[in-house]
Amino acid sequence: MHYLDTMGGRISAAREASGLTVAQAARRLGVKTATLSNWENDRSEPRANRLTMLAGLLNVSPMWLITGRGDGVFEPDLPLEVAHVKTALDQVVAQQALLAEAVDRLKIAISRMDGSADFETKIDEAVEAAENGGISEAA
């Protein structure tokens, strides 16, 4: 089943295309976030007055929300999907930088506890192995 085959799928697609979060759309409609989530997950359907408000908010026709025919969202906007992927990548890169800083702090703390150069070499080898997917040359 395609996600646009149900009213909930069409509501979700139109909301995402409009750039609104579930919470933002719910607030503008005057309903609880859980109510809008239930509509999007096909657990319930909006009444006619809310359906009309929803269509206006999402810039689609009420008929499209109900049947999938008429003015609506037909496929996800590729640039929007690319933006989501770029955002996720930026978050991963930021986490990687934080992790690298934490590793450096740990190496310094360990070297202060044990001034042994051999111990530091083993730590460096372990870090390198972890960066290379767990494959250690020392093993």
Protein backbone atom coordinates (compact mmCIF):
# COMPACT_ATOMS: atom_id res chain seq x y z
CA MET A 1 0.00 0.00 0.00
CA HIS A 2 1.33 3.43 -0.95
CA TYR A 3 1.33 6.06 1.81
CA LEU A 4 -1.01 8.29 -0.23
CA ASP A 5 -3.61 5.50 -0.40
CA THR A 6 -5.16 6.49 2.93
CA MET A 7 -6.53 9.71 4.31
CA GLY A 8 -3.98 9.58 7.12
CA GLY A 9 -1.13 9.19 4.65
CA ARG A 10 -2.39 12.15 2.64
CA ILE A 11 -2.75 14.29 5.78
CA SER A 12 0.79 13.40 6.83
CA ALA A 13 2.26 14.02 3.36
CA ALA A 14 0.50 17.39 3.04
CA ARG A 15 1.61 18.48 6.52
CA GLU A 16 5.23 17.51 5.79
CA ALA A 17 5.09 19.28 2.41
CA SER A 18 3.85 22.41 4.17
CA GLY A 19 6.85 22.30 6.50
CA LEU A 20 4.79 22.02 9.67
CA THR A 21 5.47 19.66 12.55
CA VAL A 22 2.60 17.68 14.04
CA ALA A 23 2.63 19.98 17.07
CA GLN A 24 2.56 23.15 14.96
CA ALA A 25 -0.28 21.92 12.77
CA ALA A 26 -2.27 20.68 15.76
CA ARG A 27 -1.88 24.01 17.54
CA ARG A 28 -3.08 25.93 14.45
CA LEU A 29 -6.08 23.61 14.13
CA GLY A 30 -6.92 23.83 17.83
CA VAL A 31 -6.61 20.09 18.41
CA LYS A 32 -4.30 17.98 20.54
CA THR A 33 -1.12 16.61 19.00
CA ALA A 34 -2.38 13.09 19.72
CA THR A 35 -5.57 13.82 17.76
CA LEU A 36 -3.62 14.88 14.67
CA SER A 37 -1.30 11.87 15.06
CA ASN A 38 -4.36 9.61 15.18
CA TRP A 39 -5.63 11.16 11.94
CA GLU A 40 -2.24 10.69 10.28
CA ASN A 41 -2.03 7.07 11.44
CA ASP A 42 -5.59 6.27 10.31
CA ARG A 43 -6.77 5.56 13.84
CA SER A 44 -9.53 8.17 13.48
CA GLU A 45 -10.74 10.75 10.98
CA PRO A 46 -11.39 14.45 11.37
CA ARG A 47 -14.94 15.75 11.39
CA ALA A 48 -16.05 17.84 8.42
CA ASN A 49 -15.28 21.20 10.04
CA ARG A 50 -11.76 20.13 11.04
CA LEU A 51 -11.20 18.51 7.65
CA THR A 52 -12.02 21.82 5.94
CA MET A 53 -9.70 23.72 8.30
CA LEU A 54 -6.98 21.11 7.76
CA ALA A 55 -7.25 21.36 3.99
CA GLY A 56 -6.97 25.14 4.15
CA LEU A 57 -3.98 24.98 6.49
CA LEU A 58 -2.18 22.46 4.29
CA ASN A 59 -3.16 24.13 1.00
CA VAL A 60 -4.89 21.06 -0.44
CA SER A 61 -8.53 20.38 -1.27
CA PRO A 62 -10.76 18.57 1.21
CA MET A 63 -11.65 16.17 -1.63
CA TRP A 64 -7.97 15.27 -2.05
CA LEU A 65 -7.66 14.52 1.65
CA ILE A 66 -10.71 12.26 1.49
CA THR A 67 -10.23 10.53 -1.88
CA GLY A 68 -6.78 11.42 -3.20
CA ARG A 69 -8.38 13.18 -6.19
CA GLY A 70 -8.14 16.89 -6.80
CA ASP A 71 -5.58 19.44 -5.67
CA GLY A 72 -3.08 17.93 -3.29
CA VAL A 73 0.43 16.67 -2.73
CA PHE A 74 1.39 13.97 -5.17
CA GLU A 75 4.94 13.02 -4.23
CA PRO A 76 7.41 14.19 -1.60
CA ASP A 77 9.45 17.20 -2.57
CA LEU A 78 12.93 15.86 -3.35
CA PRO A 79 14.73 19.05 -2.23
CA LEU A 80 12.92 18.73 1.11
CA GLU A 81 14.12 15.12 1.45
CA VAL A 82 17.67 16.19 0.58
CA ALA A 83 17.46 18.92 3.23
CA HIS A 84 16.43 16.32 5.83
CA VAL A 85 19.38 14.10 4.87
CA LYS A 86 21.78 17.06 5.03
CA THR A 87 20.46 17.99 8.47
CA ALA A 88 20.93 14.43 9.69
CA LEU A 89 24.46 14.37 8.28
CA ASP A 90 25.30 17.66 10.01
CA GLN A 91 24.08 16.19 13.29
CA VAL A 92 26.25 13.08 12.83
CA VAL A 93 29.32 15.19 12.01
CA ALA A 94 28.72 17.32 15.12
CA GLN A 95 28.42 14.18 17.26
CA GLN A 96 31.60 12.79 15.70
CA ALA A 97 33.47 15.99 16.64
CA LEU A 98 32.18 15.78 20.22
CA LEU A 99 33.22 12.14 20.42
CA ALA A 100 36.71 12.97 19.13
CA GLU A 101 37.05 15.65 21.82
CA ALA A 102 35.93 13.18 24.48
CA VAL A 103 38.49 10.62 23.27
CA ASP A 104 41.24 13.25 23.46
CA ARG A 105 40.20 14.20 27.02
CA LEU A 106 40.20 10.55 28.06
CA LYS A 107 43.66 10.00 26.57
CA ILE A 108 44.99 12.98 28.51
CA ALA A 109 43.37 11.78 31.73
CA ILE A 110 44.78 8.29 31.27
CA SER A 111 48.26 9.59 30.52
CA ARG A 112 48.16 11.61 33.75
CA MET A 113 47.16 8.52 35.72
CA ASP A 114 49.81 6.34 34.16
CA GLY A 115 52.81 8.07 32.61
CA SER A 116 53.81 4.85 30.86
CA ALA A 117 54.49 5.45 27.17
CA ASP A 118 53.62 1.81 26.48
CA PHE A 119 50.19 2.33 28.03
CA GLU A 120 49.60 5.42 25.85
CA THR A 121 50.60 3.43 22.75
CA LYS A 122 48.05 0.75 23.62
CA ILE A 123 45.36 3.41 24.07
CA ASP A 124 46.25 4.95 20.69
CA GLU A 125 46.08 1.50 19.06
CA ALA A 126 42.68 0.85 20.66
CA VAL A 127 41.34 4.21 19.45
CA GLU A 128 42.68 3.57 15.96
CA ALA A 129 41.12 0.12 15.95
CA ALA A 130 37.77 1.58 16.99
CA GLU A 131 38.00 4.16 14.21
CA ASN A 132 38.73 1.39 11.71
CA GLY A 133 35.66 -0.60 12.65
CA GLY A 134 37.16 -2.65 15.45
CA ILE A 135 40.02 -4.15 13.45
CA SER A 136 43.21 -3.86 15.48
CA GLU A 137 46.68 -4.51 14.13
CA ALA A 138 47.87 -5.25 17.65
CA ALA A 139 45.36 -8.08 18.08
